[in-house]
Amino acid sequence: MNKVEQFKSEKDSLEIKKDLARFGEEGWQSISEDDVHRLKWYGLFLRKPTPGFFMIRVRIPNGLTYSHQVKALADISETYGNGVIDITTRQQIQLRHLKIEDVLIVFEMMESVGLTSLQTGMDNVRNIMGCSVAGLQSTEIINGMPQVLAMTQHILENREFTNLPRKFNMSISGCPHNCVEAETQDLALIPARKLVDGETLTGFNILGGGKLGSGGYRIATPLDIFVLAEEVVEVCDAIIRIYRDFGDRETRTANRFAFLLEEWGEVLFRKELVQLLERDLMTAGTDARENKKNDHVGIFRQKQQGMNFVGLKVVTGRISATSFRQAAVLSERYGNGDIRLTPSQNLILPHVPDKKLGDLLEEPLLKELLYAPFGMTRNLVSCVGSDYCSLATIETKSRAIQVSRELEKRMETISPLSIHWSGCPASCGNHLVADIGLLGKRARVNGKVVDAVDIFVGGRTGPNAKLATRIMENIPCDDLPDILQHLVPYHTREKMHPVRKKRKARGVRLPESEKNNRETINAS
């Protein structure tokens, strides 16, 4: 049993909330290493770059939030944090520089407006993603937000799902424009249509086993399952249970859902799922997604007559509490108070009437958060970096902006590509699915250790998902403007990509029936 499984077996991690008052009295240094990990079940992370201070990760299902919630988060950030707010690539909010003695009052402030940080860390079903304009765009195949909210309600504080072998990332989206990067998820529901008895049904195909991070980008593969909206919770519940019961609990680097699928194969997994559900499942329908990607930044007509949504670029996802609060004010003044967070770390203000649109576009905040961003910052994404994350080897956000601005000066006529920065192999910046991905590292160059990156190209999600290709290593960050200036004009998304290799099984458990079958085959 590895160290994490050991401390999980000793105490249910959800029980750690009872100790928060004591931690506040005794101070952060009194918290044991195991309890530091248990606090992650409540979205609390003690960060080594900021000793004594915690980051809190707030769950925002489908990226849907409201003006009163945004104002509360801004208040918390200014009163108890450092006034900095980060929008993550999982449509969540991260607040920083919190003291353990203030955590209970912060929880009370969040709960008073219907927010929670529960189960946003460690071995849980993490924030469930969805299209940030679900229910708004006319091109939508099916609105997946009701299923995201239902599934979230199903798993939160449900102790049947709070001790998984590792984290479990999910997305449910009916958007045809690949805005949630479904192929990176452990479990992804994508829009699909299926002809049954002469009737065209609209629902979801299910993909499984996607991941970034340790071991690289594994493209989620089809499980040959089509589900209707009303079947989503039941089927996803069963899939998670299988992973819980049969996933590897020995080696932390080899216990994601992807490894179970690669050992079993999709056919065996589907067979086990049908057996658990005690009913047949429909085979996959036709993928209804397009090849192109849209992050929904800009001004778009809603399917609701006379309404628009406005997507605003938050460069690298970092925004001040003051600007965040002002966005909430604008959502009330020009919309209905809804605010959406996107996987590309941006904000969307929906339900803006035609007659108010012009006035919104003249607001001072929209000089900071652009609705028509241009240049290389248009599709820029970055992880937190070494400022606040102990895993990151380099600072990413300011470097990302600096390099992109320099490229904009040099290359005014080049169509912008997506450039994603990750400070470490955990890939929180999703660098492996970008046109150009940059993986931070420390490297010895000309006898001197410097901040550097490996450069990847050609990664993508969608119907034609591809693995990114690493083309350069140990490039000093100071040299990046020169390197990228020569790379970008010749970049093409149609890159050769390596064949995925079969991984060696490590501690993956098989169903008893299949285990017996394989023992017989091996013996013969």
Protein backbone atom coordinates (compact mmCIF):
# COMPACT_ATOMS: atom_id res chain seq x y z
CA MET A 1 0.00 0.00 0.00
CA ASN A 2 1.45 3.37 -0.96
CA LYS A 3 1.67 6.25 1.47
CA VAL A 4 -1.51 7.99 0.28
CA GLU A 5 -3.59 4.82 0.45
CA GLN A 6 -2.21 4.25 3.94
CA PHE A 7 -3.40 7.58 5.36
CA LYS A 8 -6.73 7.26 3.53
CA SER A 9 -7.30 3.92 5.24
CA GLU A 10 -6.68 5.43 8.67
CA LYS A 11 -9.32 8.19 8.54
CA ASP A 12 -12.07 9.35 6.19
CA SER A 13 -10.67 12.53 4.70
CA LEU A 14 -14.03 14.33 4.81
CA GLU A 15 -13.75 14.22 8.61
CA ILE A 16 -10.89 16.72 8.52
CA LYS A 17 -13.30 19.65 8.59
CA LYS A 18 -13.90 18.93 12.28
CA ASP A 19 -10.25 19.80 12.96
CA LEU A 20 -10.23 23.21 11.27
CA ALA A 21 -11.03 25.15 14.45
CA ARG A 22 -8.16 23.42 16.27
CA PHE A 23 -5.78 24.06 13.38
CA GLY A 24 -6.74 27.73 13.50
CA GLU A 25 -5.90 27.92 17.20
CA GLU A 26 -2.68 25.91 17.04
CA GLY A 27 -1.36 27.37 13.77
CA TRP A 28 -0.49 25.93 10.39
CA GLN A 29 2.77 24.38 11.58
CA SER A 30 0.82 22.06 13.88
CA ILE A 31 -0.87 20.34 10.93
CA SER A 32 0.61 16.89 10.20
CA GLU A 33 1.69 15.96 6.70
CA ASP A 34 -1.21 13.53 6.35
CA ASP A 35 -3.71 16.18 7.44
CA VAL A 36 -2.22 18.65 4.98
CA HIS A 37 -3.20 16.17 2.28
CA ARG A 38 -6.63 15.55 3.83
CA LEU A 39 -7.37 19.29 3.65
CA LYS A 40 -7.26 18.94 -0.13
CA TRP A 41 -10.62 17.12 0.08
CA TYR A 42 -11.94 20.58 1.02
CA GLY A 43 -9.96 22.34 -1.67
CA LEU A 44 -7.30 23.71 0.70
CA PHE A 45 -3.70 23.56 -0.45
CA LEU A 46 -0.65 24.55 1.60
CA ARG A 47 1.83 25.86 -0.94
CA LYS A 48 5.59 25.66 -0.34
CA PRO A 49 6.35 28.89 -2.26
CA THR A 50 4.13 30.75 0.27
CA PRO A 51 4.82 29.09 3.67
CA GLY A 52 1.96 29.47 6.12
CA PHE A 53 -0.57 30.43 3.47
CA PHE A 54 -3.21 28.33 1.74
CA MET A 55 -4.76 28.36 -1.70
CA ILE A 56 -8.47 27.51 -1.91
CA ARG A 57 -9.91 26.02 -5.10
CA VAL A 58 -13.61 26.77 -5.61
CA ARG A 59 -15.81 24.31 -7.50
CA ILE A 60 -17.77 25.99 -10.33
CA PRO A 61 -19.69 23.23 -12.19
CA ASN A 62 -19.89 23.93 -15.92
CA GLY A 63 -18.27 27.30 -15.20
CA LEU A 64 -21.66 28.76 -14.28
CA THR A 65 -21.61 31.38 -11.55
CA TYR A 66 -23.58 34.47 -10.57
CA SER A 67 -22.80 38.08 -9.75
CA HIS A 68 -23.43 37.72 -6.00
CA GLN A 69 -21.04 34.75 -5.90
CA VAL A 70 -18.38 36.61 -7.85
CA LYS A 71 -18.66 39.57 -5.48
CA ALA A 72 -18.31 37.26 -2.48
CA LEU A 73 -15.14 35.72 -3.96
CA ALA A 74 -13.73 39.18 -4.62
CA ASP A 75 -14.49 40.15 -1.00
CA ILE A 76 -12.77 37.02 0.31
CA SER A 77 -9.73 37.64 -1.88
CA GLU A 78 -9.37 41.24 -0.75
CA THR A 79 -10.16 40.68 2.94
CA TYR A 80 -8.38 37.39 3.62
CA GLY A 81 -6.17 36.84 0.56
CA ASN A 82 -3.85 38.83 -1.66
CA GLY A 83 -6.40 40.32 -4.04
CA VAL A 84 -5.41 37.96 -6.87
CA ILE A 85 -7.88 35.58 -8.52
CA ASP A 86 -6.99 32.84 -10.99
CA ILE A 87 -9.43 31.22 -13.42
CA THR A 88 -8.28 27.66 -14.06
CA THR A 89 -8.46 25.44 -17.13
CA ARG A 90 -11.13 23.41 -15.25
CA GLN A 91 -13.48 26.43 -15.03
CA GLN A 92 -12.72 26.93 -11.35
CA ILE A 93 -11.55 29.82 -9.20
CA GLN A 94 -8.41 29.82 -7.06
CA LEU A 95 -7.93 32.28 -4.20
CA ARG A 96 -4.52 32.68 -2.61
CA HIS A 97 -2.65 33.72 0.50
CA LEU A 98 -5.29 32.56 3.01
CA LYS A 99 -4.41 31.85 6.65
CA ILE A 100 -5.65 28.69 8.34
CA GLU A 101 -7.28 30.75 11.13
CA ASP A 102 -9.51 32.46 8.53
CA VAL A 103 -10.62 29.33 6.67
CA LEU A 104 -13.83 28.69 8.64
CA ILE A 105 -15.11 32.23 8.07
CA VAL A 106 -14.16 31.92 4.39
CA PHE A 107 -16.17 28.70 4.18
CA GLU A 108 -19.13 30.45 5.79
CA MET A 109 -18.93 33.31 3.28
CA MET A 110 -18.81 30.86 0.39
CA GLU A 111 -21.65 28.69 1.69
CA SER A 112 -23.85 31.77 2.20
CA VAL A 113 -23.80 32.34 -1.57
CA GLY A 114 -24.03 28.68 -2.59
CA LEU A 115 -20.35 28.01 -3.29
CA THR A 116 -18.13 25.16 -2.14
CA SER A 117 -14.54 24.01 -2.48
CA LEU A 118 -15.45 20.44 -1.57
CA GLN A 119 -13.62 17.61 -3.34
CA THR A 120 -11.58 19.83 -5.65
CA GLY A 121 -8.33 18.10 -4.73
CA MET A 122 -6.84 14.62 -4.28
CA ASP A 123 -8.67 11.40 -5.14
CA ASN A 124 -12.09 12.73 -6.04
CA VAL A 125 -14.29 13.46 -9.02
CA ARG A 126 -13.03 16.98 -9.71
CA ASN A 127 -15.02 19.94 -11.00
CA ILE A 128 -17.21 18.70 -13.87
CA MET A 129 -16.67 20.76 -16.99
CA GLY A 130 -19.08 21.75 -19.70
CA CYS A 131 -19.56 24.20 -22.54
CA SER A 132 -19.46 27.69 -21.03
CA VAL A 133 -22.30 28.87 -23.29
CA ALA A 134 -24.53 25.84 -22.72
CA GLY A 135 -28.14 26.78 -23.35
CA LEU A 136 -27.17 29.93 -25.22
CA GLN A 137 -25.71 29.19 -28.65
CA SER A 138 -27.88 28.32 -31.63
CA THR A 139 -25.37 25.75 -32.93
CA GLU A 140 -25.59 23.68 -29.74
CA ILE A 141 -26.41 20.01 -30.34
CA ILE A 142 -27.70 19.37 -26.81
CA ASN A 143 -27.54 21.35 -23.57
CA GLY A 144 -25.33 19.33 -21.24
CA MET A 145 -25.48 21.69 -18.26
CA PRO A 146 -28.43 19.95 -16.52
CA GLN A 147 -26.42 16.73 -16.55
CA VAL A 148 -23.31 18.48 -15.19
CA LEU A 149 -25.32 19.90 -12.29
CA ALA A 150 -27.10 16.60 -11.63
CA MET A 151 -23.84 14.65 -11.64
CA THR A 152 -22.22 17.21 -9.34
CA GLN A 153 -25.07 16.87 -6.86
CA HIS A 154 -24.72 13.10 -7.09
CA ILE A 155 -21.02 12.94 -6.20
CA LEU A 156 -20.58 15.76 -3.66
CA GLU A 157 -20.27 14.48 -0.08
CA ASN A 158 -21.15 11.04 -1.40
CA ARG A 159 -18.65 8.84 0.42
CA GLU A 160 -19.00 6.15 -2.21
CA PHE A 161 -16.92 8.41 -4.47
CA THR A 162 -14.50 10.17 -2.11
CA ASN A 163 -11.82 7.49 -2.12
CA LEU A 164 -10.86 6.82 -5.72
CA PRO A 165 -7.45 5.48 -6.79
CA ARG A 166 -6.57 8.94 -8.10
CA LYS A 167 -8.28 12.10 -9.35
CA PHE A 168 -11.05 11.70 -11.91
CA ASN A 169 -11.72 14.46 -14.45
CA MET A 170 -15.07 14.68 -16.24
CA SER A 171 -16.74 16.80 -18.89
CA ILE A 172 -20.27 16.74 -20.28
CA SER A 173 -20.81 18.98 -23.28
CA GLY A 174 -23.25 19.31 -26.14
CA CYS A 175 -21.17 21.97 -27.90
CA PRO A 176 -19.98 21.15 -31.43
CA HIS A 177 -16.93 23.43 -31.15
CA ASN A 178 -14.57 21.39 -28.90
CA CYS A 179 -14.40 24.09 -26.24
CA VAL A 180 -13.78 21.69 -23.30
CA GLU A 181 -11.02 19.56 -24.87
CA ALA A 182 -12.89 16.34 -24.16
CA GLU A 183 -10.06 14.00 -25.17
CA THR A 184 -8.02 15.08 -22.12
CA GLN A 185 -10.67 13.90 -19.64
CA ASP A 186 -10.87 10.62 -17.73
CA LEU A 187 -14.53 10.53 -18.75
CA ALA A 188 -16.02 12.73 -21.45
CA LEU A 189 -19.53 12.91 -22.83
CA ILE A 190 -19.65 14.48 -26.28
CA PRO A 191 -22.66 15.41 -28.46
CA ALA A 192 -23.89 12.65 -30.76
CA ARG A 193 -26.87 11.56 -32.81
CA LYS A 194 -28.12 8.02 -33.34
CA LEU A 195 -30.74 6.59 -35.65
CA VAL A 196 -32.95 4.12 -33.77
CA ASP A 197 -36.02 2.54 -35.40
CA GLY A 198 -36.23 5.35 -37.93
CA GLU A 199 -35.98 8.07 -35.26
CA THR A 200 -32.91 10.27 -34.79
CA LEU A 201 -32.02 10.49 -31.11
CA THR A 202 -29.79 13.23 -29.70
CA GLY A 203 -27.58 12.43 -26.74
CA PHE A 204 -23.96 11.74 -25.87
CA ASN A 205 -21.20 9.38 -26.92
CA ILE A 206 -18.85 8.40 -24.10
CA LEU A 207 -15.07 8.62 -24.27
CA GLY A 208 -12.76 7.33 -21.55
CA GLY A 209 -9.16 7.30 -20.41
CA GLY A 210 -7.95 10.72 -21.49
CA LYS A 211 -5.28 12.45 -19.47
CA LEU A 212 -2.39 14.85 -19.49
CA GLY A 213 0.26 14.97 -16.77
CA SER A 214 2.27 11.91 -15.81
CA GLY A 215 3.02 9.81 -18.86
CA GLY A 216 1.90 12.49 -21.30
CA TYR A 217 -1.24 13.04 -23.34
CA ARG A 218 -3.36 9.94 -23.67
CA ILE A 219 -6.24 10.58 -26.04
CA ALA A 220 -9.57 9.50 -24.56
CA THR A 221 -10.90 6.60 -26.58
CA PRO A 222 -14.50 5.71 -27.49
CA LEU A 223 -16.25 3.24 -25.18
CA ASP A 224 -18.84 2.51 -27.92
CA ILE A 225 -21.67 3.83 -25.76
CA PHE A 226 -24.49 6.24 -26.58
CA VAL A 227 -26.62 7.59 -23.74
CA LEU A 228 -29.66 9.81 -23.57
CA ALA A 229 -29.69 12.75 -21.16
CA GLU A 230 -31.76 10.87 -18.62
CA GLU A 231 -29.23 7.99 -18.53
CA VAL A 232 -26.14 10.11 -17.84
CA VAL A 233 -26.02 9.96 -14.04
CA GLU A 234 -26.73 6.23 -13.88
CA VAL A 235 -24.09 5.27 -16.44
CA CYS A 236 -21.41 7.66 -15.19
CA ASP A 237 -22.03 6.44 -11.63
CA ALA A 238 -21.32 2.87 -12.75
CA ILE A 239 -18.18 3.83 -14.68
CA ILE A 240 -16.73 5.60 -11.66
CA ARG A 241 -17.55 2.61 -9.44
CA ILE A 242 -15.63 0.27 -11.74
CA TYR A 243 -12.62 2.57 -11.62
CA ARG A 244 -12.93 2.83 -7.84
CA ASP A 245 -13.02 -0.95 -7.40
CA PHE A 246 -10.51 -2.09 -10.03
CA GLY A 247 -8.13 0.84 -10.54
CA ASP A 248 -4.51 0.58 -9.45
CA ARG A 249 -3.88 1.64 -5.84
CA GLU A 250 -0.21 0.71 -5.72
CA THR A 251 1.67 3.20 -7.88
CA ARG A 252 0.52 6.85 -7.86
CA THR A 253 2.06 7.50 -11.27
CA ALA A 254 0.16 4.63 -12.89
CA ASN A 255 -3.30 4.73 -11.34
CA ARG A 256 -5.35 7.03 -13.54
CA PHE A 257 -8.40 5.61 -15.32
CA ALA A 258 -6.35 5.51 -18.54
CA PHE A 259 -4.18 2.70 -17.19
CA LEU A 260 -7.20 0.56 -16.29
CA LEU A 261 -8.62 1.01 -19.79
CA GLU A 262 -5.32 0.21 -21.47
CA GLU A 263 -4.99 -2.99 -19.45
CA TRP A 264 -8.57 -4.15 -19.91
CA GLY A 265 -9.33 -2.71 -23.31
CA GLU A 266 -12.51 -0.84 -24.20
CA VAL A 267 -14.42 -4.02 -25.11
CA LEU A 268 -13.86 -5.69 -21.74
CA PHE A 269 -14.62 -2.47 -19.90
CA ARG A 270 -17.93 -2.08 -21.73
CA LYS A 271 -18.77 -5.69 -20.95
CA GLU A 272 -18.14 -5.13 -17.23
CA LEU A 273 -20.21 -1.94 -17.31
CA VAL A 274 -23.19 -3.71 -18.88
CA GLN A 275 -22.93 -6.43 -16.26
CA LEU A 276 -22.91 -3.88 -13.43
CA LEU A 277 -25.89 -1.98 -14.86
CA GLU A 278 -27.75 -5.25 -15.51
CA ARG A 279 -29.02 -3.94 -18.83
CA ASP A 280 -27.80 -3.42 -22.37
CA LEU A 281 -26.38 -0.14 -23.60
CA MET A 282 -26.79 1.43 -27.01
CA THR A 283 -23.69 1.41 -29.19
CA ALA A 284 -22.14 4.74 -30.08
CA GLY A 285 -23.90 7.20 -32.32
CA THR A 286 -22.37 9.65 -34.79
CA ASP A 287 -20.03 12.24 -33.30
CA ALA A 288 -21.78 15.58 -33.89
CA ARG A 289 -18.74 17.79 -33.29
CA GLU A 290 -16.99 19.86 -35.93
CA ASN A 291 -13.24 19.88 -36.43
CA LYS A 292 -12.82 23.55 -35.58
CA LYS A 293 -12.42 24.87 -32.06
CA ASN A 294 -14.12 27.94 -30.59
CA ASP A 295 -13.39 29.34 -27.12
CA HIS A 296 -16.45 31.63 -27.32
CA VAL A 297 -14.47 34.85 -26.87
CA GLY A 298 -16.12 37.66 -28.82
CA ILE A 299 -19.68 38.87 -29.42
CA PHE A 300 -22.22 36.21 -30.39
CA ARG A 301 -25.95 36.08 -30.96
CA GLN A 302 -27.80 33.86 -28.51
CA LYS A 303 -30.61 31.59 -29.57
CA GLN A 304 -32.80 33.68 -27.28
CA GLN A 305 -34.19 36.42 -29.52
CA GLY A 306 -32.58 39.83 -29.11
CA MET A 307 -29.89 38.56 -26.73
CA ASN A 308 -26.11 38.27 -27.01
CA PHE A 309 -23.25 36.83 -25.03
CA VAL A 310 -19.91 38.60 -24.82
CA GLY A 311 -16.74 36.59 -24.23
CA LEU A 312 -13.94 38.56 -22.57
CA LYS A 313 -10.26 37.65 -22.68
CA VAL A 314 -8.58 37.32 -19.28
CA VAL A 315 -4.93 37.07 -20.26
CA THR A 316 -3.49 33.88 -18.65
CA GLY A 317 -6.62 33.70 -16.45
CA ARG A 318 -5.30 36.05 -13.75
CA ILE A 319 -7.53 38.95 -12.68
CA SER A 320 -7.60 41.33 -9.74
CA ALA A 321 -10.41 41.11 -7.21
CA THR A 322 -11.37 44.68 -8.18
CA SER A 323 -11.81 43.79 -11.86
CA PHE A 324 -13.56 40.54 -10.97
CA ARG A 325 -16.09 42.46 -8.89
CA GLN A 326 -16.56 44.98 -11.69
CA ALA A 327 -17.35 42.15 -14.09
CA ALA A 328 -20.12 41.11 -11.68
CA VAL A 329 -21.47 44.66 -11.67
CA LEU A 330 -21.54 44.69 -15.49
CA SER A 331 -23.33 41.33 -15.57
CA GLU A 332 -26.11 42.88 -13.48
CA ARG A 333 -26.20 46.17 -15.35
CA TYR A 334 -26.29 44.69 -18.86
CA GLY A 335 -27.34 41.08 -18.36
CA ASN A 336 -29.18 39.01 -15.76
CA GLY A 337 -26.29 38.44 -13.33
CA ASP A 338 -25.00 35.24 -14.92
CA ILE A 339 -21.25 34.92 -15.48
CA ARG A 340 -19.59 31.99 -17.20
CA LEU A 341 -15.97 30.79 -16.80
CA THR A 342 -14.35 29.08 -19.77
CA PRO A 343 -11.73 26.28 -20.02
CA SER A 344 -9.51 28.82 -21.80
CA GLN A 345 -9.50 30.92 -18.60
CA ASN A 346 -11.86 33.63 -19.83
CA LEU A 347 -15.16 35.25 -18.76
CA ILE A 348 -18.49 35.37 -20.58
CA LEU A 349 -21.29 37.84 -19.88
CA PRO A 350 -24.54 36.40 -21.31
CA HIS A 351 -28.07 37.71 -21.82
CA VAL A 352 -27.06 41.17 -23.05
CA PRO A 353 -29.98 42.76 -24.99
CA ASP A 354 -29.28 44.34 -28.36
CA LYS A 355 -30.17 47.78 -27.03
CA LYS A 356 -27.59 47.54 -24.21
CA LEU A 357 -24.76 45.94 -26.18
CA GLY A 358 -23.20 49.17 -27.42
CA ASP A 359 -23.07 50.68 -23.94
CA LEU A 360 -21.45 47.52 -22.53
CA LEU A 361 -18.70 47.67 -25.15
CA GLU A 362 -17.84 51.20 -24.04
CA GLU A 363 -17.31 50.24 -20.40
CA PRO A 364 -13.75 50.89 -19.09
CA LEU A 365 -13.33 47.27 -17.95
CA LEU A 366 -13.56 46.15 -21.57
CA LYS A 367 -10.34 48.01 -22.27
CA GLU A 368 -8.67 45.53 -19.91
CA LEU A 369 -10.75 42.45 -20.73
CA LEU A 370 -10.97 42.59 -24.52
CA TYR A 371 -13.94 41.20 -26.42
CA ALA A 372 -11.94 41.24 -29.67
CA PRO A 373 -8.42 40.24 -28.60
CA PHE A 374 -5.78 40.08 -31.29
CA GLY A 375 -2.26 38.83 -31.75
CA MET A 376 -0.51 36.04 -29.90
CA THR A 377 -2.33 36.68 -26.62
CA ARG A 378 -5.64 35.75 -28.28
CA ASN A 379 -5.27 32.04 -27.47
CA LEU A 380 -2.75 32.25 -24.64
CA VAL A 381 -3.16 29.87 -21.69
CA SER A 382 -0.90 29.42 -18.69
CA CYS A 383 -0.72 27.44 -15.48
CA VAL A 384 -0.03 29.18 -12.16
CA GLY A 385 3.74 28.76 -12.29
CA SER A 386 6.38 28.76 -9.57
CA ASP A 387 5.06 31.93 -7.89
CA TYR A 388 2.42 29.85 -6.13
CA CYS A 389 2.93 26.20 -7.12
CA SER A 390 5.71 24.05 -5.65
CA LEU A 391 5.57 21.64 -8.61
CA ALA A 392 6.29 24.31 -11.22
CA THR A 393 9.95 24.77 -12.13
CA ILE A 394 9.59 28.19 -13.76
CA GLU A 395 7.40 31.28 -13.48
CA THR A 396 4.88 31.06 -16.32
CA LYS A 397 2.19 33.75 -16.37
CA SER A 398 4.34 36.87 -16.68
CA ARG A 399 6.74 35.10 -19.03
CA ALA A 400 3.85 33.98 -21.22
CA ILE A 401 2.60 37.55 -21.53
CA GLN A 402 6.08 38.95 -22.12
CA VAL A 403 6.91 36.48 -24.90
CA SER A 404 3.52 36.87 -26.58
CA ARG A 405 3.69 40.67 -26.53
CA GLU A 406 7.16 40.54 -28.05
CA LEU A 407 5.94 38.24 -30.82
CA GLU A 408 3.04 40.62 -31.52
CA LYS A 409 5.52 43.44 -32.10
CA ARG A 410 7.60 41.37 -34.47
CA MET A 411 4.84 39.50 -36.33
CA GLU A 412 1.87 41.79 -36.85
CA THR A 413 0.47 39.90 -39.83
CA ILE A 414 0.71 36.34 -38.47
CA SER A 415 -2.57 34.63 -37.62
CA PRO A 416 -2.54 33.85 -33.89
CA LEU A 417 -1.96 30.28 -32.79
CA SER A 418 -2.76 28.77 -29.42
CA ILE A 419 0.26 28.86 -27.11
CA HIS A 420 -0.07 27.03 -23.79
CA TRP A 421 2.45 27.14 -20.94
CA SER A 422 2.86 24.45 -18.26
CA GLY A 423 5.38 24.91 -15.48
CA CYS A 424 5.83 21.18 -14.92
CA PRO A 425 4.79 17.78 -16.39
CA ALA A 426 1.47 17.90 -14.49
CA SER A 427 0.33 19.88 -17.55
CA CYS A 428 -2.11 22.22 -15.82
CA GLY A 429 -1.62 24.61 -18.74
CA ASN A 430 -2.72 21.88 -21.18
CA HIS A 431 0.42 22.43 -23.25
CA LEU A 432 0.05 19.07 -24.99
CA VAL A 433 -3.17 20.05 -26.79
CA ALA A 434 -2.02 23.42 -28.13
CA ASP A 435 -0.68 24.47 -31.51
CA ILE A 436 2.49 25.32 -29.60
CA GLY A 437 3.01 23.91 -26.12
CA LEU A 438 5.78 25.01 -23.77
CA LEU A 439 6.83 22.79 -20.86
CA GLY A 440 8.90 24.59 -18.23
CA LYS A 441 12.08 23.15 -16.77
CA ARG A 442 15.48 24.11 -15.36
CA ALA A 443 18.25 23.25 -17.80
CA ARG A 444 22.00 23.65 -17.98
CA VAL A 445 22.84 25.69 -21.05
CA ASN A 446 26.44 26.74 -21.76
CA GLY A 447 27.43 25.76 -18.24
CA LYS A 448 24.69 27.79 -16.55
CA VAL A 449 21.36 26.58 -15.09
CA VAL A 450 18.53 28.71 -16.49
CA ASP A 451 14.75 28.77 -16.87
CA ALA A 452 13.99 26.84 -20.04
CA VAL A 453 11.25 25.02 -21.94
CA ASP A 454 10.70 22.06 -24.20
CA ILE A 455 8.67 23.00 -27.28
CA PHE A 456 5.78 20.83 -28.52
CA VAL A 457 3.69 21.37 -31.65
CA GLY A 458 0.56 20.00 -33.25
CA GLY A 459 -1.46 18.87 -30.23
CA ARG A 460 -5.23 19.03 -30.48
CA THR A 461 -8.51 17.64 -29.23
CA GLY A 462 -11.73 17.03 -31.13
CA PRO A 463 -12.80 14.43 -33.69
CA ASN A 464 -9.25 14.29 -35.07
CA ALA A 465 -7.34 14.52 -31.79
CA LYS A 466 -3.57 14.29 -32.08
CA LEU A 467 -0.65 13.86 -29.74
CA ALA A 468 1.69 16.82 -29.58
CA THR A 469 5.21 16.32 -30.92
CA ARG A 470 8.23 17.57 -29.01
CA ILE A 471 10.54 19.23 -31.52
CA MET A 472 12.99 21.16 -29.32
CA GLU A 473 14.42 20.72 -25.82
CA ASN A 474 16.11 22.93 -23.23
CA ILE A 475 15.36 26.25 -24.92
CA PRO A 476 16.22 29.14 -22.56
CA CYS A 477 13.15 31.27 -21.90
CA ASP A 478 15.15 34.37 -22.80
CA ASP A 479 15.64 32.96 -26.30
CA LEU A 480 11.98 32.11 -26.90
CA PRO A 481 10.97 35.26 -28.82
CA ASP A 482 13.73 34.59 -31.36
CA ILE A 483 12.98 30.86 -31.59
CA LEU A 484 9.21 31.26 -31.91
CA GLN A 485 9.56 34.10 -34.40
CA HIS A 486 11.16 31.63 -36.79
CA LEU A 487 8.89 28.69 -35.86
CA VAL A 488 5.44 30.29 -36.04
CA PRO A 489 5.41 31.23 -39.77
CA TYR A 490 6.13 27.62 -40.71
CA HIS A 491 3.89 26.00 -38.14
CA THR A 492 1.23 23.63 -39.37
CA ARG A 493 -1.34 21.72 -37.32
CA GLU A 494 -0.93 18.69 -39.61
CA LYS A 495 2.03 17.18 -37.77
CA MET A 496 3.26 13.62 -37.71
CA HIS A 497 2.55 12.23 -34.30
CA PRO A 498 3.99 9.26 -32.38
CA VAL A 499 2.10 6.01 -32.02
CA ARG A 500 0.86 5.38 -28.49
CA LYS A 501 2.69 2.52 -26.83
CA LYS A 502 0.99 -0.10 -24.74
CA ARG A 503 1.81 0.57 -21.10
CA LYS A 504 2.83 -2.17 -18.76
CA ALA A 505 0.10 -2.96 -16.25
CA ARG A 506 0.88 -2.00 -12.66
CA GLY A 507 -1.47 -3.17 -9.98
CA VAL A 508 -4.61 -3.00 -12.16
CA ARG A 509 -7.28 -5.40 -10.96
CA LEU A 510 -9.38 -7.50 -13.32
CA PRO A 511 -12.90 -8.79 -12.88
CA GLU A 512 -12.77 -12.33 -11.53
CA SER A 513 -14.28 -13.83 -14.71
CA GLU A 514 -11.71 -12.15 -16.93
CA LYS A 515 -8.86 -12.95 -14.56
CA ASN A 516 -9.67 -16.66 -14.84
CA ASN A 517 -9.88 -16.40 -18.63
CA ARG A 518 -6.45 -14.76 -18.87
CA GLU A 519 -4.87 -17.28 -16.50
CA THR A 520 -6.15 -20.08 -18.75
CA ILE A 521 -4.78 -18.38 -21.86
CA ASN A 522 -1.39 -17.73 -20.24
CA ALA A 523 -1.16 -21.35 -19.05
CA SER A 524 -1.79 -22.67 -22.53
